[in-house]
Every structure is written in C-alpha cells, then in structure tokens.
Amino acid sequence: IVLAATGGLAALGPRRWRELRLLWVTRDAQPQDSPSDASLDLTQAAALGMVLSWPYELKGLRRRAVDLEGAAPSRVDLEGIAPSRVDLQGNDSDPQAEATQLLAEVAALDSDDRCQQDQAAEVVYRRGSRRLREVAPLRGGPWSSPWQAGGVYLISGALGGIGSQLATELARDYGAHLVLTGRGMLPEAQQCEAWLAEHAADHPLAQRVRRLASINTAGAASVTYLAGNIAEEEHVEALRTIIATHGRLDGILHTAAELETRHLALRTKTPESLARVLAAKLQGSLLLGTLLNDWPNASSQPSTLPPQLVLFSSIGSLSG
C-alpha cells in the first residue's frame, strides 16, 4: 500500500506535492506504554519508516502519521464537525471525537510549523491524550550486562560490519559460543590463506574471510559459521540443529539486511525489490523468533536471564 501510494504521489509532480496535506492513519501501530504491548500491530508499524521518508523525496509534501487505538468504527457521522474548535489536546476515543481530531490534524499541517520537525511527524492518541514522539537520552543505571559468560549466541549477518564487531566482543569479553550465519559462502578453512593471496584486500569475500579469522582468534569458546538465507525455513532449521548441540541459547542478534543500491529511493522501488529488502528483516525475525521457543530458559541457574532477540535497524526508521 505504501509503495502504491508513493508511486501515485510521485506521479502528481512537485507542484501538487506542495499543495498536499496528508495523514497516514493507523491503529495500534505504536506501543501504548511498553514496547512489549500485546495489542501492537506490527503489520502496520512496518510502514512507518517509509511514510516518514516521503518529504525527503517528495519535496514540499506535508505529512503526519497518526496512530489511534482500538477497533475502527463501522461508520462515522461527519455532519457538524468543526476542526477549528479542536485544540489538539486529545479527546475521548469515540468515533466522533476521533474524526474531529483527524480533521484538526489536517488543519494543523497548514498552520503548525513544527509539522516539519520530527517531534510532530508522529502523533499517537491514547486514552484521551495526544502524544508526540520525542528522542531523549537513556537515563538511569548503572546497567548490568545482558550477556552471559560462556553463553551461546546466534548472530545473523555475522560477517558484516556490525555483526562481526558484536561477535568479536562476545568472544573477547565473554568467551561465548558463537553460531554465525550470513549469505556469503566462504572458502574451505585450509584454502583461505591461498585464496587471500590471490585476491585484493578490498574484495568483499576477502573482507568476510578476514573478519571470520579475527573472530576465531578473539577468544570464543567455539565458532561455527553456516552460510544461507535467514529468511528461509530450511536454513533456520539447520541453525536449530547446531544450537541443539550446545543444549542452550542465550541470545540472537539479528543484524542481517539486504541493501539494493539500484532501488534506494522509494520512487524507484518495485514490489519485487521491496520484498527482497524486507525478507531478511521481517521474515528473518519471525523465523529466528521460533528458536527462542526451543530454549525458553538459557540454563537452570535462577539468576540467568532468558534468551534475548535483539533487532537492528537504521536511524531512518525514526527520521525517515
């Protein structure tokens, strides 16, 4: 839907972009009080980053993402609604009030200069209050480490920049057992030195070989690498078999991503391109999550944390 809307907006041209005021309305796409809120609808939440990106490609377009709560009404009577009377402070979550608030949000896009700023790009209505998204420093602490010494960790996209750094730190600081996976096939271990001698240092495969070698010497209790597509069930089943040899799973760090440089702009994306990009992040996350069901408790120690699934994303999911 977002891709189709992007194409339709792009076809209108720059003159019309400056005239448009657009609301992207969802229900329960944002957590109410906790990221683990059971009512969260992830299918709607996935589109938010693309919607926030519209003004960067469609110059002059004013947009705002508004998230409501609860089921959508079957019918709303708009007669007599006057959005100019609404002060955008929130209201009760009845259909008439919701319609009034949405019309007020549209009106505010003409008068509220903050709509071009991130804090007003997203609005959430919850229990009669209007909330704006803000990014603030994490306060508190000191924080205890979530990682277990000698723990078993699965890292997807393990030989990329972020994945390899995480693997190295878990090996060096915690002596972890590492189950690593990525899409790239590697030469046999006994052929690596000869292969590196024959290829340039900046060759993508050479970089992955060197990163794996660095992880192997960082102090891990064990390192296993399995090439494959994290969005395919057969590959995740093979990873499940490897983890079973350890008898426990302390965490999954999902850093795998697919970057298509030919289709970076939303206007140039095709459904096929978008499906490839989302496969690793969405389907991969769902499949990796099933592994946690096999090992709900990392060990019999009462103080041991349950296994964790850590997802990685781009700052673009917040800013567009």
Protein backbone atom coordinates (compact mmCIF):
# COMPACT_ATOMS: atom_id res chain seq x y z
CA ILE A 1 0.00 0.00 0.00
CA VAL A 2 2.79 2.43 0.90
CA LEU A 3 4.62 1.62 -2.32
CA ALA A 4 1.49 2.21 -4.39
CA ALA A 5 0.79 5.47 -2.55
CA THR A 6 4.38 6.61 -3.16
CA GLY A 7 4.03 5.94 -6.87
CA GLY A 8 0.74 7.82 -7.01
CA LEU A 9 2.17 10.80 -5.17
CA ALA A 10 5.28 10.87 -7.34
CA ALA A 11 3.14 10.94 -10.49
CA LEU A 12 1.42 14.14 -9.33
CA GLY A 13 4.61 16.16 -9.63
CA PRO A 14 6.36 18.76 -7.42
CA ARG A 15 3.69 21.44 -7.81
CA ARG A 16 1.00 19.23 -6.31
CA TRP A 17 3.30 17.94 -3.56
CA ARG A 18 3.46 21.44 -2.10
CA GLU A 19 -0.33 21.64 -2.07
CA LEU A 20 -0.97 18.29 -0.40
CA ARG A 21 -1.60 17.75 3.32
CA LEU A 22 -1.55 14.04 4.06
CA LEU A 23 -2.32 11.95 7.14
CA TRP A 24 -1.26 8.32 7.39
CA VAL A 25 -3.69 6.85 9.93
CA THR A 26 -3.09 3.54 11.70
CA ARG A 27 -4.49 1.73 14.71
CA ASP A 28 -2.30 0.23 17.43
CA ALA A 29 0.83 0.53 15.28
CA GLN A 30 2.67 2.24 18.15
CA PRO A 31 3.14 0.77 21.64
CA GLN A 32 0.84 2.26 24.25
CA ASP A 33 3.06 2.10 27.33
CA SER A 34 5.57 -0.67 26.66
CA PRO A 35 7.33 -2.00 23.53
CA SER A 36 6.04 -5.45 24.52
CA ASP A 37 2.40 -4.32 24.37
CA ALA A 38 0.37 -7.30 23.17
CA SER A 39 -2.01 -5.09 21.16
CA LEU A 40 0.78 -3.80 18.90
CA ASP A 41 0.03 -4.42 15.19
CA LEU A 42 3.44 -4.96 13.60
CA THR A 43 1.99 -5.21 10.08
CA GLN A 44 1.04 -1.54 10.25
CA ALA A 45 4.14 -0.46 12.16
CA ALA A 46 6.42 -1.72 9.38
CA ALA A 47 5.22 1.01 7.00
CA LEU A 48 6.01 3.94 9.28
CA GLY A 49 9.64 4.43 8.24
CA MET A 50 8.64 4.71 4.57
CA VAL A 51 5.85 7.18 5.31
CA LEU A 52 8.25 9.37 7.28
CA SER A 53 10.61 9.34 4.27
CA TRP A 54 8.11 10.91 1.87
CA PRO A 55 9.12 14.59 2.37
CA TYR A 56 12.76 13.78 1.61
CA GLU A 57 11.82 12.54 -1.86
CA LEU A 58 8.62 14.48 -2.50
CA LYS A 59 9.82 17.98 -1.66
CA GLY A 60 7.16 20.23 -0.17
CA LEU A 61 4.78 17.44 0.87
CA ARG A 62 3.50 17.81 4.39
CA ARG A 63 2.57 14.58 6.09
CA ARG A 64 1.88 13.30 9.56
CA ALA A 65 1.47 9.78 10.89
CA VAL A 66 -1.40 9.47 13.37
CA ASP A 67 -1.96 6.31 15.39
CA LEU A 68 -5.32 5.65 17.07
CA GLU A 69 -6.26 2.88 19.47
CA GLY A 70 -8.84 0.13 19.35
CA ALA A 71 -11.04 -1.18 16.57
CA ALA A 72 -12.14 1.11 13.76
CA PRO A 73 -15.81 2.20 13.80
CA SER A 74 -18.05 0.94 11.01
CA ARG A 75 -19.48 4.41 10.36
CA VAL A 76 -18.79 7.99 11.45
CA ASP A 77 -21.21 10.91 11.03
CA LEU A 78 -19.14 13.91 9.92
CA GLU A 79 -22.04 16.38 9.93
CA GLY A 80 -21.43 19.31 12.22
CA ILE A 81 -17.75 18.59 12.84
CA ALA A 82 -15.71 21.79 13.08
CA PRO A 83 -11.99 21.05 13.35
CA SER A 84 -11.18 24.69 14.05
CA ARG A 85 -12.70 24.25 17.52
CA VAL A 86 -10.24 21.48 18.44
CA ASP A 87 -7.05 22.42 20.28
CA LEU A 88 -5.17 19.16 19.55
CA GLN A 89 -5.00 18.25 23.22
CA GLY A 90 -6.72 14.88 22.79
CA ASN A 91 -10.21 13.67 23.49
CA ASP A 92 -12.20 10.58 24.38
CA SER A 93 -11.70 7.71 21.94
CA ASP A 94 -15.22 7.70 20.45
CA PRO A 95 -15.73 7.77 16.67
CA GLN A 96 -16.99 11.36 16.52
CA ALA A 97 -14.11 12.65 18.62
CA GLU A 98 -11.58 10.70 16.54
CA ALA A 99 -12.93 12.17 13.30
CA THR A 100 -12.76 15.64 14.79
CA GLN A 101 -9.17 15.12 15.90
CA LEU A 102 -8.09 13.81 12.49
CA LEU A 103 -9.59 16.81 10.72
CA ALA A 104 -7.81 19.04 13.22
CA GLU A 105 -4.52 17.30 12.46
CA VAL A 106 -5.02 18.06 8.76
CA ALA A 107 -5.77 21.70 9.55
CA ALA A 108 -2.67 21.89 11.72
CA LEU A 109 -0.47 20.89 8.81
CA ASP A 110 -1.22 24.31 7.30
CA SER A 111 -0.54 26.31 10.44
CA ASP A 112 1.80 24.31 12.65
CA ASP A 113 5.43 24.95 11.65
CA ARG A 114 6.53 22.06 13.86
CA CYS A 115 4.97 19.61 11.41
CA GLN A 116 8.24 19.70 9.50
CA GLN A 117 10.10 18.63 12.64
CA ASP A 118 10.42 15.05 13.81
CA GLN A 119 8.57 15.51 17.10
CA ALA A 120 5.38 16.43 15.22
CA ALA A 121 5.80 13.96 12.37
CA GLU A 122 4.19 11.26 14.53
CA VAL A 123 1.14 11.65 16.76
CA VAL A 124 -0.32 8.97 19.00
CA TYR A 125 -3.74 9.17 20.68
CA ARG A 126 -4.07 7.05 23.80
CA ARG A 127 -6.75 7.15 26.49
CA GLY A 128 -7.83 10.70 25.75
CA SER A 129 -4.35 12.19 25.43
CA ARG A 130 -2.36 13.34 22.40
CA ARG A 131 1.28 12.25 22.47
CA LEU A 132 4.24 13.33 20.33
CA ARG A 133 7.30 11.20 19.72
CA GLU A 134 10.49 12.53 21.30
CA VAL A 135 14.01 11.16 21.29
CA ALA A 136 15.64 11.54 24.70
CA PRO A 137 18.84 10.27 26.33
CA LEU A 138 18.53 7.00 28.22
CA ARG A 139 18.93 7.81 31.90
CA GLY A 140 19.44 5.67 34.96
CA GLY A 141 21.92 2.90 35.56
CA PRO A 142 24.40 1.59 36.23
CA TRP A 143 23.28 -1.08 33.78
CA SER A 144 24.13 -4.74 34.20
CA SER A 145 25.37 -6.63 31.16
CA PRO A 146 22.75 -8.77 29.37
CA TRP A 147 25.44 -11.19 28.11
CA GLN A 148 26.35 -14.45 29.80
CA ALA A 149 29.95 -15.66 30.18
CA GLY A 150 30.29 -18.81 28.10
CA GLY A 151 26.81 -18.26 26.68
CA VAL A 152 25.56 -19.42 23.28
CA TYR A 153 24.74 -16.66 20.80
CA LEU A 154 23.43 -16.73 17.27
CA ILE A 155 24.38 -13.75 15.08
CA SER A 156 22.86 -13.22 11.65
CA GLY A 157 24.71 -11.05 9.15
CA ALA A 158 27.68 -12.06 11.26
CA LEU A 159 30.42 -11.09 8.82
CA GLY A 160 29.08 -7.61 8.10
CA GLY A 161 30.50 -4.59 9.88
CA ILE A 162 28.12 -4.57 12.86
CA GLY A 163 27.74 -8.34 13.14
CA SER A 164 31.48 -9.03 13.14
CA GLN A 165 32.12 -6.37 15.78
CA LEU A 166 29.46 -7.87 18.07
CA ALA A 167 30.87 -11.36 17.53
CA THR A 168 34.39 -10.20 18.34
CA GLU A 169 33.26 -8.51 21.57
CA LEU A 170 31.24 -11.54 22.71
CA ALA A 171 34.24 -13.75 22.01
CA ARG A 172 36.78 -11.48 23.67
CA ASP A 173 34.82 -10.32 26.71
CA TYR A 174 32.58 -13.32 27.43
CA GLY A 175 34.24 -16.37 25.89
CA ALA A 176 30.96 -17.11 24.16
CA HIS A 177 29.99 -19.99 21.90
CA LEU A 178 29.14 -18.30 18.60
CA VAL A 179 26.82 -19.62 15.91
CA LEU A 180 27.34 -17.28 12.98
CA THR A 181 25.39 -17.05 9.76
CA GLY A 182 25.41 -14.94 6.62
CA ARG A 183 24.55 -15.21 2.97
CA GLY A 184 28.15 -15.35 1.75
CA MET A 185 29.83 -18.68 1.05
CA LEU A 186 33.43 -18.91 2.26
CA PRO A 187 36.41 -20.93 1.03
CA GLU A 188 37.31 -24.08 2.94
CA ALA A 189 39.41 -23.28 6.02
CA GLN A 190 42.54 -24.87 4.56
CA GLN A 191 42.17 -22.79 1.39
CA CYS A 192 41.70 -19.38 3.00
CA GLU A 193 45.34 -18.26 3.06
CA ALA A 194 45.86 -19.16 -0.59
CA TRP A 195 42.58 -17.53 -1.56
CA LEU A 196 43.51 -14.28 0.22
CA ALA A 197 46.89 -14.20 -1.52
CA GLU A 198 45.17 -14.32 -4.90
CA HIS A 199 42.56 -11.60 -4.29
CA ALA A 200 42.65 -7.88 -3.49
CA ALA A 201 42.25 -6.84 0.13
CA ASP A 202 39.08 -4.86 -0.64
CA HIS A 203 37.34 -7.81 -2.29
CA PRO A 204 34.03 -8.36 -0.40
CA LEU A 205 34.74 -12.04 0.16
CA ALA A 206 38.27 -11.30 1.33
CA GLN A 207 36.85 -8.92 3.93
CA ARG A 208 34.49 -11.62 5.22
CA VAL A 209 37.31 -14.17 5.41
CA ARG A 210 39.46 -11.78 7.44
CA ARG A 211 36.58 -10.91 9.76
CA LEU A 212 35.91 -14.57 10.48
CA ALA A 213 39.60 -15.14 11.13
CA SER A 214 39.62 -12.24 13.59
CA ILE A 215 36.58 -13.64 15.41
CA ASN A 216 38.23 -17.07 15.61
CA THR A 217 41.26 -15.60 17.39
CA ALA A 218 39.33 -13.31 19.75
CA GLY A 219 38.81 -15.90 22.48
CA ALA A 220 35.47 -17.55 21.73
CA ALA A 221 34.78 -20.93 23.31
CA SER A 222 33.70 -22.11 19.84
CA VAL A 223 32.80 -20.60 16.48
CA THR A 224 30.52 -22.17 13.86
CA TYR A 225 29.70 -20.44 10.58
CA LEU A 226 26.85 -21.55 8.32
CA ALA A 227 26.10 -19.77 5.04
CA GLY A 228 22.48 -19.38 3.98
CA ASN A 229 19.40 -17.19 3.73
CA ILE A 230 17.96 -16.30 7.13
CA ALA A 231 14.52 -15.81 5.54
CA GLU A 232 14.30 -19.49 4.53
CA GLU A 233 12.90 -22.09 6.92
CA GLU A 234 15.39 -24.77 5.84
CA HIS A 235 18.33 -22.59 6.83
CA VAL A 236 16.86 -21.73 10.22
CA GLU A 237 16.22 -25.44 10.83
CA ALA A 238 19.90 -26.12 10.12
CA LEU A 239 20.82 -23.42 12.67
CA ARG A 240 18.43 -25.05 15.16
CA THR A 241 20.35 -28.32 14.79
CA ILE A 242 23.66 -26.58 15.50
CA ILE A 243 22.30 -24.80 18.57
CA ALA A 244 20.90 -28.09 19.87
CA THR A 245 24.45 -29.43 20.17
CA HIS A 246 25.07 -26.77 22.83
CA GLY A 247 21.81 -27.50 24.66
CA ARG A 248 21.05 -23.84 25.28
CA LEU A 249 20.56 -20.47 23.61
CA ASP A 250 21.30 -17.20 25.40
CA GLY A 251 20.55 -14.72 22.66
CA ILE A 252 20.02 -13.91 19.00
CA LEU A 253 21.47 -10.77 17.43
CA HIS A 254 19.73 -10.17 14.11
CA THR A 255 21.90 -7.78 12.06
CA ALA A 256 21.25 -9.29 8.61
CA ALA A 257 20.00 -6.84 5.98
CA GLU A 258 19.59 -6.60 2.22
CA LEU A 259 20.66 -3.35 0.57
CA GLU A 260 19.65 -2.76 -3.04
CA THR A 261 21.63 0.24 -4.26
CA ARG A 262 19.70 0.38 -7.56
CA HIS A 263 16.43 0.99 -5.73
CA LEU A 264 17.38 3.15 -2.75
CA ALA A 265 14.71 5.78 -3.46
CA LEU A 266 11.13 4.81 -2.66
CA ARG A 267 10.05 6.12 -6.06
CA THR A 268 12.24 3.59 -7.84
CA LYS A 269 11.33 0.55 -5.77
CA THR A 270 9.35 -2.27 -7.28
CA PRO A 271 7.25 -4.78 -5.31
CA GLU A 272 9.93 -7.40 -6.01
CA SER A 273 12.70 -5.10 -4.76
CA LEU A 274 10.78 -4.26 -1.60
CA ALA A 275 10.06 -7.93 -0.94
CA ARG A 276 13.77 -8.77 -1.15
CA VAL A 277 14.70 -5.96 1.23
CA LEU A 278 12.02 -6.85 3.77
CA ALA A 279 12.60 -10.62 3.65
CA ALA A 280 15.70 -10.62 5.84
CA LYS A 281 14.29 -8.16 8.37
CA LEU A 282 10.68 -9.32 8.64
CA GLN A 283 10.62 -12.99 7.66
CA GLY A 284 14.05 -13.48 9.18
CA SER A 285 12.90 -12.01 12.51
CA LEU A 286 9.83 -14.23 12.61
CA LEU A 287 11.80 -17.39 11.88
CA LEU A 288 14.58 -16.57 14.34
CA GLY A 289 11.96 -15.91 17.00
CA THR A 290 10.83 -19.53 16.75
CA LEU A 291 14.25 -20.62 18.04
CA LEU A 292 13.51 -18.97 21.38
CA ASN A 293 10.60 -21.36 21.88
CA ASP A 294 13.03 -24.30 21.97
CA TRP A 295 15.18 -22.82 24.72
CA PRO A 296 12.92 -20.59 26.87
CA ASN A 297 15.47 -20.70 29.68
CA ALA A 298 19.14 -20.40 28.88
CA SER A 299 20.16 -22.53 31.87
CA SER A 300 18.88 -23.89 35.16
CA GLN A 301 20.54 -21.06 37.11
CA PRO A 302 17.81 -18.85 38.71
CA SER A 303 19.83 -15.69 38.03
CA THR A 304 20.27 -16.40 34.34
CA LEU A 305 18.44 -14.04 32.01
CA PRO A 306 16.03 -15.54 29.46
CA PRO A 307 17.35 -15.65 25.88
CA GLN A 308 17.03 -12.37 24.06
CA LEU A 309 16.21 -11.44 20.47
CA VAL A 310 17.98 -8.19 19.58
CA LEU A 311 16.89 -6.50 16.34
CA PHE A 312 18.99 -3.94 14.48
CA SER A 313 17.67 -1.23 12.21
CA SER A 314 18.56 2.10 10.62
CA ILE A 315 18.05 5.53 12.14
CA GLY A 316 15.88 6.05 9.06
CA SER A 317 13.10 4.07 10.76
CA LEU A 318 12.77 7.01 13.17
CA SER A 319 13.61 10.00 10.99
CA GLY A 320 12.65 8.76 7.52
